[in-house]
Amino acid sequence: MARLGSRFLFFTTSPRTPAKMIPEIQLLADRFGGKTWNNQTQNEFITALGESSFFEGTGSPSDKAFSVRDRINRAPKALGFIDLTPKIALTDAGRAFIYGKRPQEAFLRQLLKFQLPSPFHIEDKSILGTFYVRPYLEILRLIRQLEYLTFDELKIFALQLTDYRKFDDIAASIRKFRKDKAKYQGNYKQFADTIWTESIKRLYHDDIQVGKTKTRETTDSSLDKFIKTKKSNARDYADACFRYLRYTGLLSLEQKSRRLQFYADKLQDIDHILATVSREPVFVSDEKKYKAHLFCSETPVLYDDSKDNLIVFLQGKGVSSREELMKKNIEELKDLRDSILQKQLDDVILTQIQQLKTFSLYSEIIDTFKELLDHDIYYDAPLMLEYNTWRAMTMLDGGTIKANLKFDDAGQPLSTAQGNMPDIECDYGDFVLSVEVTMQHGQRQYETEGEPVARHYGQFKQSTGKNAYCLFIAPTINPAAFMHFYGLNKLNNVYYGGKTKIIPIGITQFMKLLSNSFQYLATHKCAPTPKEIKSFLDSVLAKLDVCQDENSWKDFIQQSVNQWLI
C-alpha cells in the first residue's frame, strides 16, 4: 500500500499517458496472471516489457523491479484495472479498459471511484484526517461550477482540495484569484508565483516552523529548496490530472489560456455524474469490500448507460425510429452513437486538413514550435509536438499525411501514437516518409528513441513496399542519437530492410524548412511537390558516403535545410 504524506492532492503520474497502460496491463495479465507479484515477477515483467514492440525504455538499470512497481502499483492498481493480491489478475474494470470497445468510458468510471484515503492509500500519522475526497470527481465539480479551470488554478488551489467539505472555500479562493489577477496585467507570472509561494508556506506552516524542510534525495534543508520541490511535485500532479481528465473525452484544453473546460455537448453527461456519484470515500478500512466496489466494470452508472438517453441522442441525429431503436440493446445503441461520432470526427479532421493546406495556419504552427522550444507549453508538450508536426507536414501538401495520435470527438489531440508505429506516416505515391518526434534530450533521447525509430522505419518500409525515408525531429539532436542514425544509415542491415534512410533534424531546422516552403508558395503560387521533398531527402542521404564523419554530415544537413527551395 502507498503512504500519503503530502498536504495536497495526489494524482497518479505513472504512466502519464492513460493509453500507454493498455498494452502494459495486457502483457502483465497474459504472461504473469496467477503468479505472485514479487521481485522475481517484477524483474521478469520489465524484461518482457523491454522486448515488446510498444514499450519505450529499459527501466532503471540499478533497480528494475522498482521501475515496474512505479508503472503498475500506481495507476493500473490504484484505478482498479489489475489486482496484485493474492495473485496477479485482471479485474472486470481492467477487462473493459483493455478489451472493451469503449476504453475511455471504462477509464472514466474508474476515475470517479478513485478516492483518498483507501485501503490502497493510507495516511501517515502526521497528517491523519487530511484526506476525505474523490479527487477527480471534485476537480470535475470545480470545472463545472467555475466554468473552466486553468493549470495555475489547479496547481495553486485545487490541489488543496484534500477533503470535499473544503470545496466551497477552494472555489472561493479561485474566484478571488481571478478577480485579483486583473490588477496585474503584464506581470501575471510574478503575481501567480507569489500567490503560489504564499499558499505553500501556509499549507506547510507547521513543518516550516519546526525546521522540517528537508526533502527526499537531497541534503539541502533550505526553505527555498523545500518550496521549489513542493512546486515541482504540484506541477507533476496537475499535469497528470489534466492528462487523465482529457482522456475521458469530456473536456477540451485551450493551450493559449491553459483552460480546461467541458465541451458543450458533454454538459448533460457531467451534470448526471455530479448529481449521482457519491462524494464520500467508501470502505476505507475494508479492502475486500473496496476491491469489489473498485473492480466493478458497470459502476458508477453514466448518462449514456440509459437506453432512453441514447435513443433521444440517436433520434436527434435522424437515426431510425424510436420503435426500431427500442429493439436494440444498450451496446448496440452505443455502437450506433459511436459510428455517428466517428463520422463527425472524420469531417472535423477533413476540415482541418483543408484549412492547413491553404497555409492559413502557418504563423500559428510556427508560434507553437517556438513555444515548445521555450518550454511555454504547459500541458503535454510531447503530444503538442506530435500534433503540430502533423499539422506542418499536412500543410506542406503533396501527399496523404496520417497522424497516429488519437483525437477526441472535437478533433483536438488526445494522446500520442502507440509505441509500435511511427508518429506520422506520409505517403507521396512512389515513396513514403515516416516522421518521429520527441521532446527527449540528452542521453535519454538516444536510449528511448534510437532503436524504436529504426524499428518503426523498417516496419513501415516493409508494410508499404515502397522506397522509405524517415525524419527524426527533436528540440535538439543529442550527439549519441545523431551518431546512432549516421551509423545505421551506412550499414546494410537486413532487420531494417537494408540501409536505413533516417535524417535527424532539430525543431529550428524543421521550422526553416517550413519557412522556405512558405516563401516558395508566395513566389510560385503553389506548395512544394513530393518531388521537391524527395530531392531534399536524397541530397542529404547522398552525402553519407562522402562525409568524413558524422559532424561533417550534420553540417551538410544544415546547409541543405538553408538552401531547400531557395
Protein backbone atom coordinates (compact mmCIF):
# COMPACT_ATOMS: atom_id res chain seq x y z
CA MET A 1 0.00 0.00 0.00
CA ALA A 2 1.06 3.62 -0.55
CA ARG A 3 1.53 6.15 2.22
CA LEU A 4 0.03 9.61 1.92
CA GLY A 5 2.39 12.17 3.45
CA SER A 6 1.68 15.26 1.38
CA ARG A 7 -0.75 18.02 2.27
CA PHE A 8 -2.10 18.41 -1.24
CA LEU A 9 -3.91 16.08 -3.59
CA PHE A 10 -2.11 13.12 -5.06
CA PHE A 11 -2.72 12.10 -8.68
CA THR A 12 -1.15 9.04 -10.27
CA THR A 13 1.71 10.19 -12.53
CA SER A 14 2.83 6.86 -14.00
CA PRO A 15 2.17 6.16 -16.76
CA ARG A 16 1.50 9.79 -17.68
CA THR A 17 -0.45 8.83 -20.79
CA PRO A 18 -3.50 6.66 -19.99
CA ALA A 19 -3.48 4.84 -23.34
CA LYS A 20 0.03 3.54 -22.64
CA MET A 21 -1.39 1.50 -19.77
CA ILE A 22 -3.44 -0.72 -22.05
CA PRO A 23 -0.71 -2.87 -23.67
CA GLU A 24 1.31 -2.95 -20.43
CA ILE A 25 -1.59 -4.24 -18.33
CA GLN A 26 -2.49 -6.73 -21.07
CA LEU A 27 1.07 -8.07 -21.12
CA LEU A 28 1.12 -8.39 -17.33
CA ALA A 29 -2.19 -10.25 -17.23
CA ASP A 30 -1.42 -12.53 -20.18
CA ARG A 31 2.12 -13.50 -19.19
CA PHE A 32 2.01 -13.30 -15.40
CA GLY A 33 -1.63 -13.84 -14.45
CA GLY A 34 -1.93 -16.23 -11.49
CA LYS A 35 1.61 -15.55 -10.30
CA THR A 36 2.72 -13.73 -7.15
CA TRP A 37 3.69 -10.07 -7.54
CA ASN A 38 7.22 -10.05 -6.14
CA ASN A 39 10.78 -9.10 -7.11
CA GLN A 40 11.12 -12.11 -9.41
CA THR A 41 7.96 -11.47 -11.43
CA GLN A 42 8.70 -7.74 -11.43
CA ASN A 43 12.14 -8.31 -12.94
CA GLU A 44 10.72 -10.79 -15.44
CA PHE A 45 8.00 -8.32 -16.38
CA ILE A 46 10.40 -5.43 -17.06
CA THR A 47 12.40 -7.79 -19.29
CA ALA A 48 9.21 -8.72 -21.17
CA LEU A 49 8.33 -5.02 -21.48
CA GLY A 50 11.75 -4.24 -22.91
CA GLU A 51 11.31 -6.96 -25.52
CA SER A 52 7.85 -5.71 -26.53
CA SER A 53 7.20 -3.53 -29.56
CA PHE A 54 5.28 -0.86 -27.62
CA PHE A 55 7.48 -0.05 -24.61
CA GLU A 56 9.99 2.79 -24.79
CA GLY A 57 12.96 2.50 -22.43
CA THR A 58 14.58 -0.23 -20.38
CA GLY A 59 13.67 0.63 -16.80
CA SER A 60 16.04 1.65 -14.04
CA PRO A 61 19.39 -0.10 -14.59
CA SER A 62 20.02 -0.22 -10.81
CA ASP A 63 16.54 -1.36 -9.72
CA LYS A 64 14.35 -2.74 -12.50
CA ALA A 65 11.77 -4.08 -10.04
CA PHE A 66 11.24 -0.53 -8.78
CA SER A 67 10.64 0.66 -12.36
CA VAL A 68 7.84 -1.87 -12.74
CA ARG A 69 6.27 -1.09 -9.38
CA ASP A 70 6.27 2.57 -10.40
CA ARG A 71 4.24 1.73 -13.53
CA ILE A 72 1.92 -0.94 -12.15
CA ASN A 73 1.39 -0.07 -8.48
CA ARG A 74 0.37 3.46 -9.32
CA ALA A 75 -2.33 3.99 -11.95
CA PRO A 76 -3.14 0.38 -13.02
CA LYS A 77 -3.56 -0.81 -9.42
CA ALA A 78 -4.91 2.42 -7.93
CA LEU A 79 -7.59 2.71 -10.62
CA GLY A 80 -8.61 -0.92 -10.24
CA PHE A 81 -7.53 -2.34 -13.59
CA ILE A 82 -5.26 -5.01 -12.12
CA ASP A 83 -5.39 -6.91 -8.81
CA LEU A 84 -1.97 -7.78 -7.39
CA THR A 85 -3.02 -9.76 -4.31
CA PRO A 86 -3.04 -12.58 -3.57
CA LYS A 87 -2.17 -13.29 -7.23
CA ILE A 88 -1.88 -11.14 -10.34
CA ALA A 89 -5.29 -10.94 -12.01
CA LEU A 90 -7.07 -8.72 -14.49
CA THR A 91 -10.21 -7.18 -12.96
CA ASP A 92 -13.57 -6.71 -14.65
CA ALA A 93 -12.78 -2.99 -14.93
CA GLY A 94 -9.41 -3.84 -16.45
CA ARG A 95 -11.04 -6.20 -18.94
CA ALA A 96 -13.41 -3.44 -20.06
CA PHE A 97 -10.50 -0.99 -20.37
CA ILE A 98 -8.24 -3.32 -22.36
CA TYR A 99 -10.63 -5.40 -24.44
CA GLY A 100 -13.82 -3.34 -24.47
CA LYS A 101 -14.98 -1.18 -27.36
CA ARG A 102 -15.02 1.95 -25.20
CA PRO A 103 -11.84 2.25 -23.11
CA GLN A 104 -12.45 5.93 -22.37
CA GLU A 105 -15.80 5.07 -20.81
CA ALA A 106 -14.18 2.39 -18.65
CA PHE A 107 -11.44 4.83 -17.68
CA LEU A 108 -13.96 7.49 -16.62
CA ARG A 109 -15.78 5.07 -14.32
CA GLN A 110 -12.52 4.28 -12.52
CA LEU A 111 -11.51 7.92 -12.14
CA LEU A 112 -14.83 8.61 -10.45
CA LYS A 113 -14.19 5.82 -7.92
CA PHE A 114 -10.59 6.77 -7.13
CA GLN A 115 -10.50 8.03 -3.54
CA LEU A 116 -8.18 9.18 -0.78
CA PRO A 117 -7.79 7.58 1.67
CA SER A 118 -8.43 3.96 0.70
CA PRO A 119 -7.06 0.53 1.57
CA PHE A 120 -4.50 1.24 -1.18
CA HIS A 121 -3.58 4.73 0.12
CA ILE A 122 -3.18 5.16 3.87
CA GLU A 123 -2.45 8.48 5.57
CA ASP A 124 0.69 8.95 7.65
CA LYS A 125 0.02 9.64 11.30
CA SER A 126 1.47 13.13 10.86
CA ILE A 127 -1.38 14.14 8.52
CA LEU A 128 -4.16 11.88 9.81
CA GLY A 129 -7.57 13.25 8.85
CA THR A 130 -6.30 15.39 5.96
CA PHE A 131 -7.86 13.34 3.16
CA TYR A 132 -11.53 12.61 2.59
CA VAL A 133 -12.17 13.01 -1.12
CA ARG A 134 -12.64 11.55 -4.58
CA PRO A 135 -10.10 13.81 -6.31
CA TYR A 136 -11.15 13.54 -9.95
CA LEU A 137 -14.82 13.90 -9.08
CA GLU A 138 -14.20 17.12 -7.16
CA ILE A 139 -11.97 18.59 -9.87
CA LEU A 140 -14.78 17.93 -12.35
CA ARG A 141 -17.16 19.67 -9.96
CA LEU A 142 -14.83 22.69 -9.74
CA ILE A 143 -14.64 22.97 -13.51
CA ARG A 144 -18.42 22.77 -13.84
CA GLN A 145 -19.08 25.35 -11.13
CA LEU A 146 -16.34 27.76 -12.23
CA GLU A 147 -16.92 27.09 -15.97
CA TYR A 148 -13.22 26.35 -16.51
CA LEU A 149 -10.02 25.67 -14.60
CA THR A 150 -6.55 26.83 -15.59
CA PHE A 151 -3.34 24.93 -14.99
CA ASP A 152 -2.24 27.58 -12.47
CA GLU A 153 -5.54 27.42 -10.60
CA LEU A 154 -5.25 23.67 -10.35
CA LYS A 155 -1.67 23.58 -9.08
CA ILE A 156 -2.07 26.51 -6.65
CA PHE A 157 -5.57 25.99 -5.25
CA ALA A 158 -7.37 22.85 -6.43
CA LEU A 159 -4.61 20.54 -5.19
CA GLN A 160 -5.54 21.70 -1.68
CA LEU A 161 -8.99 20.10 -2.05
CA THR A 162 -7.99 17.13 0.10
CA ASP A 163 -11.42 16.99 1.74
CA TYR A 164 -14.55 17.51 -0.34
CA ARG A 165 -16.02 19.54 2.52
CA LYS A 166 -13.42 22.23 1.70
CA PHE A 167 -14.91 22.63 -1.78
CA ASP A 168 -16.63 25.98 -1.23
CA ASP A 169 -13.50 27.52 0.30
CA ILE A 170 -11.32 26.36 -2.58
CA ALA A 171 -13.82 27.62 -5.16
CA ALA A 172 -13.95 30.99 -3.38
CA SER A 173 -10.12 31.21 -3.40
CA ILE A 174 -10.04 30.63 -7.15
CA ARG A 175 -12.70 33.29 -7.75
CA LYS A 176 -10.68 35.77 -5.69
CA PHE A 177 -7.53 34.86 -7.60
CA ARG A 178 -9.29 35.57 -10.90
CA LYS A 179 -10.50 38.92 -9.63
CA ASP A 180 -7.12 39.95 -8.22
CA LYS A 181 -5.07 38.97 -11.28
CA ALA A 182 -6.87 41.63 -13.32
CA LYS A 183 -4.80 44.19 -11.37
CA TYR A 184 -1.55 42.58 -12.54
CA GLN A 185 -1.88 42.62 -16.31
CA GLY A 186 1.58 42.41 -17.84
CA ASN A 187 3.02 40.94 -14.67
CA TYR A 188 0.84 37.88 -14.22
CA LYS A 189 3.62 35.30 -13.89
CA GLN A 190 5.18 37.08 -10.93
CA PHE A 191 1.77 37.60 -9.33
CA ALA A 192 0.81 33.92 -9.71
CA ASP A 193 4.16 32.69 -8.40
CA THR A 194 3.93 34.95 -5.35
CA ILE A 195 0.45 33.63 -4.54
CA TRP A 196 1.70 30.07 -5.05
CA THR A 197 4.66 30.56 -2.70
CA GLU A 198 2.45 32.08 -0.01
CA SER A 199 0.00 29.22 -0.40
CA ILE A 200 2.70 26.59 0.14
CA LYS A 201 4.04 28.43 3.17
CA ARG A 202 0.56 28.46 4.74
CA LEU A 203 -0.06 24.83 3.91
CA TYR A 204 3.24 23.68 5.44
CA HIS A 205 3.43 26.31 8.17
CA ASP A 206 3.84 23.79 11.00
CA ASP A 207 6.62 21.89 9.24
CA ILE A 208 8.46 25.09 8.36
CA GLN A 209 8.20 26.38 11.93
CA VAL A 210 9.97 23.31 13.35
CA GLY A 211 12.51 23.08 10.53
CA LYS A 212 11.12 20.00 8.76
CA THR A 213 12.12 21.27 5.33
CA LYS A 214 14.48 18.54 4.15
CA THR A 215 13.08 16.73 1.13
CA ARG A 216 13.85 13.26 -0.15
CA GLU A 217 17.02 12.60 -2.14
CA THR A 218 18.74 15.81 -1.01
CA THR A 219 20.69 17.11 1.96
CA ASP A 220 19.53 20.66 1.31
CA SER A 221 17.06 21.69 4.03
CA SER A 222 16.73 25.33 2.97
CA LEU A 223 13.28 26.87 2.70
CA ASP A 224 13.89 27.81 -0.95
CA LYS A 225 14.70 24.22 -1.85
CA PHE A 226 11.68 22.97 0.11
CA ILE A 227 9.30 25.32 -1.73
CA LYS A 228 10.89 24.56 -5.10
CA THR A 229 10.39 20.82 -4.52
CA LYS A 230 6.75 21.27 -3.50
CA LYS A 231 6.12 23.33 -6.62
CA SER A 232 7.73 20.69 -8.81
CA ASN A 233 5.55 17.98 -7.28
CA ALA A 234 2.46 20.13 -7.70
CA ARG A 235 3.22 20.72 -11.38
CA ASP A 236 3.59 16.96 -11.91
CA TYR A 237 0.27 16.22 -10.18
CA ALA A 238 -1.54 18.99 -12.06
CA ASP A 239 -0.16 17.75 -15.38
CA ALA A 240 -1.20 14.17 -14.59
CA CYS A 241 -4.68 15.30 -13.57
CA PHE A 242 -5.14 17.26 -16.81
CA ARG A 243 -3.99 14.30 -18.94
CA TYR A 244 -6.22 11.78 -17.23
CA LEU A 245 -9.30 14.00 -17.34
CA ARG A 246 -8.70 14.85 -21.00
CA TYR A 247 -8.58 11.15 -21.87
CA THR A 248 -12.23 10.80 -20.83
CA GLY A 249 -13.26 12.90 -23.82
CA LEU A 250 -15.40 15.19 -21.69
CA LEU A 251 -13.09 18.20 -21.70
CA SER A 252 -11.22 20.43 -24.08
CA LEU A 253 -7.98 22.24 -23.40
CA GLU A 254 -7.22 25.69 -24.77
CA GLN A 255 -3.43 25.87 -24.94
CA LYS A 256 -3.11 29.65 -25.06
CA SER A 257 -5.22 30.33 -21.97
CA ARG A 258 -4.41 26.91 -20.46
CA ARG A 259 -8.08 26.43 -19.66
CA LEU A 260 -9.67 23.05 -19.13
CA GLN A 261 -13.41 23.17 -19.77
CA PHE A 262 -16.29 20.92 -20.77
CA TYR A 263 -17.47 20.51 -24.32
CA ALA A 264 -20.96 21.98 -24.58
CA ASP A 265 -22.44 18.67 -25.73
CA LYS A 266 -20.96 16.88 -22.68
CA LEU A 267 -22.64 19.03 -20.03
CA GLN A 268 -25.54 16.61 -19.60
CA ASP A 269 -23.01 13.83 -19.00
CA ILE A 270 -21.16 15.75 -16.32
CA ASP A 271 -24.34 17.01 -14.66
CA HIS A 272 -25.53 13.41 -14.37
CA ILE A 273 -22.20 12.41 -12.77
CA LEU A 274 -22.22 15.25 -10.26
CA ALA A 275 -25.83 14.55 -9.31
CA THR A 276 -25.50 10.78 -8.88
CA VAL A 277 -21.93 9.84 -7.86
CA SER A 278 -21.34 9.91 -4.10
CA ARG A 279 -18.66 12.32 -2.86
CA GLU A 280 -17.88 10.11 0.16
CA PRO A 281 -14.93 7.70 0.19
CA VAL A 282 -16.11 4.16 0.93
CA PHE A 283 -14.73 1.02 2.61
CA VAL A 284 -11.58 2.84 3.74
CA SER A 285 -10.74 0.07 6.22
CA ASP A 286 -12.21 -2.91 4.35
CA GLU A 287 -10.02 -4.00 1.46
CA LYS A 288 -12.28 -6.86 0.37
CA LYS A 289 -15.35 -4.63 0.00
CA TYR A 290 -13.28 -1.83 -1.51
CA LYS A 291 -11.94 -4.15 -4.19
CA ALA A 292 -15.43 -5.36 -5.05
CA HIS A 293 -16.51 -1.73 -5.38
CA LEU A 294 -13.45 -0.61 -7.36
CA PHE A 295 -13.14 -3.59 -9.70
CA CYS A 296 -16.75 -3.45 -10.93
CA SER A 297 -16.92 -2.54 -14.63
CA GLU A 298 -20.51 -1.24 -14.56
CA THR A 299 -20.36 1.42 -11.86
CA PRO A 300 -20.93 4.25 -11.49
CA VAL A 301 -23.82 4.45 -13.94
CA LEU A 302 -23.15 7.06 -16.63
CA TYR A 303 -25.58 9.22 -18.60
CA ASP A 304 -25.30 7.05 -21.71
CA ASP A 305 -25.97 3.87 -19.76
CA SER A 306 -29.62 4.88 -20.08
CA LYS A 307 -31.39 3.44 -23.10
CA ASP A 308 -33.77 6.39 -23.19
CA ASN A 309 -30.91 8.90 -23.25
CA LEU A 310 -29.20 7.07 -26.10
CA ILE A 311 -32.42 6.91 -28.12
CA VAL A 312 -33.01 10.65 -27.65
CA PHE A 313 -29.48 11.32 -28.96
CA LEU A 314 -29.86 8.98 -31.94
CA GLN A 315 -33.27 10.34 -32.89
CA GLY A 316 -31.79 13.81 -32.76
CA LYS A 317 -29.32 12.65 -35.39
CA GLY A 318 -32.12 11.26 -37.55
CA VAL A 319 -31.24 7.61 -36.92
CA SER A 320 -34.21 5.29 -37.43
CA SER A 321 -37.47 5.43 -35.47
CA ARG A 322 -37.92 5.10 -31.74
CA GLU A 323 -39.71 1.81 -32.33
CA GLU A 324 -36.73 0.37 -34.22
CA LEU A 325 -34.24 1.72 -31.69
CA MET A 326 -36.17 0.20 -28.78
CA LYS A 327 -35.49 -3.26 -30.24
CA LYS A 328 -31.75 -2.79 -29.76
CA ASN A 329 -29.82 -3.34 -26.55
CA ILE A 330 -27.58 -0.78 -24.84
CA GLU A 331 -24.38 -1.94 -26.53
CA GLU A 332 -25.96 -1.84 -29.99
CA LEU A 333 -27.22 1.68 -29.33
CA LYS A 334 -23.77 2.75 -28.17
CA ASP A 335 -22.28 1.28 -31.33
CA LEU A 336 -24.66 3.43 -33.38
CA ARG A 337 -23.76 6.50 -31.31
CA ASP A 338 -20.04 5.83 -31.74
CA SER A 339 -20.37 5.45 -35.52
CA ILE A 340 -22.07 8.85 -35.69
CA LEU A 341 -19.39 10.46 -33.53
CA GLN A 342 -16.64 8.89 -35.67
CA LYS A 343 -18.23 10.29 -38.83
CA GLN A 344 -18.39 13.72 -37.19
CA LEU A 345 -14.73 13.44 -36.20
CA ASP A 346 -13.72 12.39 -39.72
CA ASP A 347 -15.48 15.50 -41.05
CA VAL A 348 -13.74 17.72 -38.47
CA ILE A 349 -10.31 16.30 -39.37
CA LEU A 350 -11.03 16.73 -43.09
CA THR A 351 -11.93 20.38 -42.47
CA GLN A 352 -8.67 20.84 -40.55
CA ILE A 353 -6.69 19.29 -43.41
CA GLN A 354 -8.34 21.54 -45.99
CA GLN A 355 -7.56 24.60 -43.89
CA LEU A 356 -3.96 23.51 -43.28
CA LYS A 357 -3.29 23.06 -46.99
CA THR A 358 -4.06 26.74 -47.58
CA PHE A 359 -1.11 27.71 -45.31
CA SER A 360 -3.55 29.93 -43.37
CA LEU A 361 -2.30 28.40 -40.09
CA TYR A 362 1.39 28.84 -40.92
CA SER A 363 2.01 31.53 -38.27
CA GLU A 364 0.15 29.58 -35.59
CA ILE A 365 2.16 26.43 -36.35
CA ILE A 366 5.47 28.33 -36.20
CA ASP A 367 4.43 30.01 -32.94
CA THR A 368 3.60 26.64 -31.41
CA PHE A 369 7.05 25.30 -32.30
CA LYS A 370 8.59 28.37 -30.70
CA GLU A 371 6.54 27.82 -27.54
CA LEU A 372 7.72 24.21 -27.42
CA LEU A 373 11.34 25.34 -27.72
CA ASP A 374 10.81 27.96 -24.99
CA HIS A 375 9.10 25.39 -22.72
CA ASP A 376 5.99 27.57 -22.78
CA ILE A 377 3.64 24.64 -23.45
CA TYR A 378 2.29 23.78 -20.00
CA TYR A 379 0.28 20.71 -20.90
CA ASP A 380 1.66 17.55 -22.51
CA ALA A 381 4.40 19.04 -24.67
CA PRO A 382 5.13 15.67 -26.42
CA LEU A 383 1.50 15.47 -27.56
CA MET A 384 1.55 19.06 -28.83
CA LEU A 385 4.82 18.44 -30.69
CA GLU A 386 3.32 15.40 -32.41
CA TYR A 387 0.10 17.23 -33.28
CA ASN A 388 1.87 20.37 -34.51
CA THR A 389 4.29 18.36 -36.64
CA TRP A 390 1.34 16.54 -38.23
CA ARG A 391 -0.21 19.93 -38.99
CA ALA A 392 3.08 21.11 -40.51
CA MET A 393 3.51 18.01 -42.70
CA THR A 394 -0.11 18.30 -43.84
CA MET A 395 0.43 21.96 -44.68
CA LEU A 396 3.34 21.02 -46.97
CA ASP A 397 0.72 19.18 -49.08
CA GLY A 398 1.53 16.76 -51.89
CA GLY A 399 0.71 13.53 -50.11
CA THR A 400 -1.56 11.63 -47.76
CA ILE A 401 -0.47 12.52 -44.23
CA LYS A 402 -1.68 10.29 -41.41
CA ALA A 403 -1.27 11.09 -37.72
CA ASN A 404 -1.19 8.04 -35.49
CA LEU A 405 -2.09 10.12 -32.46
CA LYS A 406 -5.61 9.87 -31.08
CA PHE A 407 -8.10 12.73 -31.49
CA ASP A 408 -11.12 13.48 -29.31
CA ASP A 409 -14.62 13.99 -30.72
CA ALA A 410 -13.86 17.67 -31.45
CA GLY A 411 -10.64 16.97 -33.36
CA GLN A 412 -8.30 18.03 -30.57
CA PRO A 413 -5.20 15.91 -29.88
CA LEU A 414 -5.93 13.44 -27.09
CA SER A 415 -2.97 11.05 -26.80
CA THR A 416 0.26 10.32 -28.64
CA ALA A 417 0.81 7.44 -31.05
CA GLN A 418 1.14 3.95 -29.62
CA GLY A 419 4.70 2.70 -29.25
CA ASN A 420 4.60 0.20 -32.13
CA MET A 421 4.14 2.62 -35.03
CA PRO A 422 5.59 5.85 -36.45
CA ASP A 423 4.17 9.08 -35.07
CA ILE A 424 3.26 10.31 -38.55
CA GLU A 425 3.04 8.44 -41.86
CA CYS A 426 3.35 10.33 -45.16
CA ASP A 427 2.53 8.63 -48.45
CA TYR A 428 3.69 10.52 -51.54
CA GLY A 429 2.78 7.89 -54.10
CA ASP A 430 6.08 6.40 -55.22
CA PHE A 431 7.76 6.89 -51.84
CA VAL A 432 6.81 7.15 -48.17
CA LEU A 433 8.15 9.14 -45.23
CA SER A 434 7.76 8.34 -41.55
CA VAL A 435 8.15 11.18 -39.07
CA GLU A 436 9.17 10.55 -35.46
CA VAL A 437 9.19 13.33 -32.87
CA THR A 438 10.33 13.57 -29.27
CA MET A 439 10.80 16.16 -26.55
CA GLN A 440 13.51 13.99 -25.01
CA HIS A 441 17.02 15.42 -24.87
CA GLY A 442 20.46 14.36 -23.66
CA GLN A 443 21.39 10.70 -23.28
CA ARG A 444 17.74 9.85 -22.59
CA GLN A 445 16.92 10.73 -26.20
CA TYR A 446 19.34 8.13 -27.51
CA GLU A 447 18.22 5.47 -25.01
CA THR A 448 14.49 5.79 -25.65
CA GLU A 449 14.35 6.74 -29.33
CA GLY A 450 17.36 5.13 -31.05
CA GLU A 451 16.08 1.59 -31.57
CA PRO A 452 12.31 2.29 -31.80
CA VAL A 453 12.71 4.90 -34.55
CA ALA A 454 14.74 2.50 -36.69
CA ARG A 455 12.36 -0.38 -35.96
CA HIS A 456 9.30 1.69 -36.91
CA TYR A 457 11.08 2.76 -40.09
CA GLY A 458 11.80 -0.87 -41.01
CA GLN A 459 8.22 -1.96 -40.30
CA PHE A 460 6.81 0.98 -42.27
CA LYS A 461 9.05 0.23 -45.23
CA GLN A 462 8.05 -3.44 -45.21
CA SER A 463 4.32 -2.77 -44.81
CA THR A 464 4.18 -0.26 -47.68
CA GLY A 465 6.65 -1.98 -50.01
CA LYS A 466 7.83 1.46 -51.12
CA ASN A 467 11.03 3.45 -51.03
CA ALA A 468 11.01 4.77 -47.46
CA TYR A 469 12.56 7.68 -45.60
CA CYS A 470 12.34 8.94 -42.01
CA LEU A 471 12.63 12.34 -40.36
CA PHE A 472 13.59 12.32 -36.67
CA ILE A 473 12.68 15.66 -35.08
CA ALA A 474 13.55 16.89 -31.58
CA PRO A 475 14.26 20.27 -29.95
CA THR A 476 17.96 19.41 -30.26
CA ILE A 477 19.57 16.22 -31.52
CA ASN A 478 21.75 14.51 -28.94
CA PRO A 479 25.22 13.63 -30.34
CA ALA A 480 24.80 9.97 -29.37
CA ALA A 481 21.45 9.78 -31.17
CA PHE A 482 22.89 11.57 -34.21
CA MET A 483 25.84 9.17 -34.34
CA HIS A 484 23.46 6.21 -33.99
CA PHE A 485 21.41 7.19 -37.04
CA TYR A 486 24.52 8.19 -39.02
CA GLY A 487 25.97 4.73 -38.43
CA LEU A 488 22.73 2.88 -39.20
CA ASN A 489 22.37 4.74 -42.49
CA LYS A 490 25.77 3.48 -43.59
CA LEU A 491 25.18 -0.19 -42.69
CA ASN A 492 23.33 -2.75 -44.81
CA ASN A 493 21.03 -4.19 -42.14
CA VAL A 494 18.55 -6.92 -43.07
CA TYR A 495 16.49 -6.28 -39.90
CA TYR A 496 15.68 -2.75 -41.08
CA GLY A 497 15.31 -3.70 -44.73
CA GLY A 498 18.80 -2.65 -45.84
CA LYS A 499 20.44 0.70 -45.23
CA THR A 500 18.14 3.00 -43.30
CA LYS A 501 17.29 6.48 -44.54
CA ILE A 502 16.82 8.37 -41.28
CA ILE A 503 17.56 12.10 -41.18
CA PRO A 504 17.75 13.72 -37.71
CA ILE A 505 16.94 17.44 -37.54
CA GLY A 506 16.18 19.91 -34.78
CA ILE A 507 12.90 21.79 -34.48
CA THR A 508 14.62 25.03 -35.54
CA GLN A 509 15.81 23.32 -38.73
CA PHE A 510 12.34 21.94 -39.38
CA MET A 511 10.92 25.45 -38.92
CA LYS A 512 13.38 26.67 -41.54
CA LEU A 513 12.07 24.07 -43.99
CA LEU A 514 8.55 25.36 -43.32
CA SER A 515 9.68 28.96 -43.75
CA ASN A 516 11.30 28.13 -47.08
CA SER A 517 8.15 26.37 -48.25
CA PHE A 518 6.05 29.38 -47.22
CA GLN A 519 8.31 31.68 -49.25
CA TYR A 520 8.13 29.22 -52.16
CA LEU A 521 4.33 29.41 -52.03
CA ALA A 522 4.44 33.20 -52.10
CA THR A 523 6.78 33.18 -55.10
CA HIS A 524 5.40 30.29 -57.16
CA LYS A 525 1.76 30.42 -56.02
CA CYS A 526 1.84 26.72 -55.23
CA ALA A 527 3.11 24.46 -52.42
CA PRO A 528 6.21 22.28 -52.79
CA THR A 529 5.59 18.96 -54.54
CA PRO A 530 6.62 15.48 -53.41
CA LYS A 531 9.43 15.72 -55.97
CA GLU A 532 10.98 18.64 -54.08
CA ILE A 533 10.59 16.85 -50.74
CA LYS A 534 12.28 13.74 -52.14
CA SER A 535 15.04 15.83 -53.67
CA PHE A 536 15.90 17.25 -50.24
CA LEU A 537 15.91 13.80 -48.62
CA ASP A 538 18.02 12.22 -51.37
CA SER A 539 20.59 15.03 -51.42
CA VAL A 540 21.14 14.75 -47.66
CA LEU A 541 21.50 10.96 -47.75
CA ALA A 542 23.79 11.04 -50.79
CA LYS A 543 26.41 12.85 -48.71
CA LEU A 544 26.73 9.94 -46.28
CA ASP A 545 29.32 8.21 -48.45
CA VAL A 546 31.50 11.28 -48.90
CA CYS A 547 31.27 12.91 -45.48
CA GLN A 548 34.34 12.29 -43.35
CA ASP A 549 32.36 11.80 -40.13
CA GLU A 550 29.00 12.48 -38.51
CA ASN A 551 29.90 16.12 -37.79
CA SER A 552 30.51 16.90 -41.45
CA TRP A 553 27.19 15.22 -42.29
CA LYS A 554 25.50 17.37 -39.64
CA ASP A 555 26.97 20.49 -41.26
CA PHE A 556 25.71 19.38 -44.66
CA ILE A 557 22.19 18.80 -43.31
CA GLN A 558 22.19 22.39 -42.04
CA GLN A 559 23.34 23.66 -45.44
CA SER A 560 20.65 21.63 -47.19
CA VAL A 561 17.97 22.96 -44.85
CA ASN A 562 19.05 26.54 -45.52
CA GLN A 563 19.14 26.08 -49.29
CA TRP A 564 15.98 23.99 -49.83
CA LEU A 565 13.68 25.63 -52.38
CA ILE A 566 15.82 28.80 -52.41
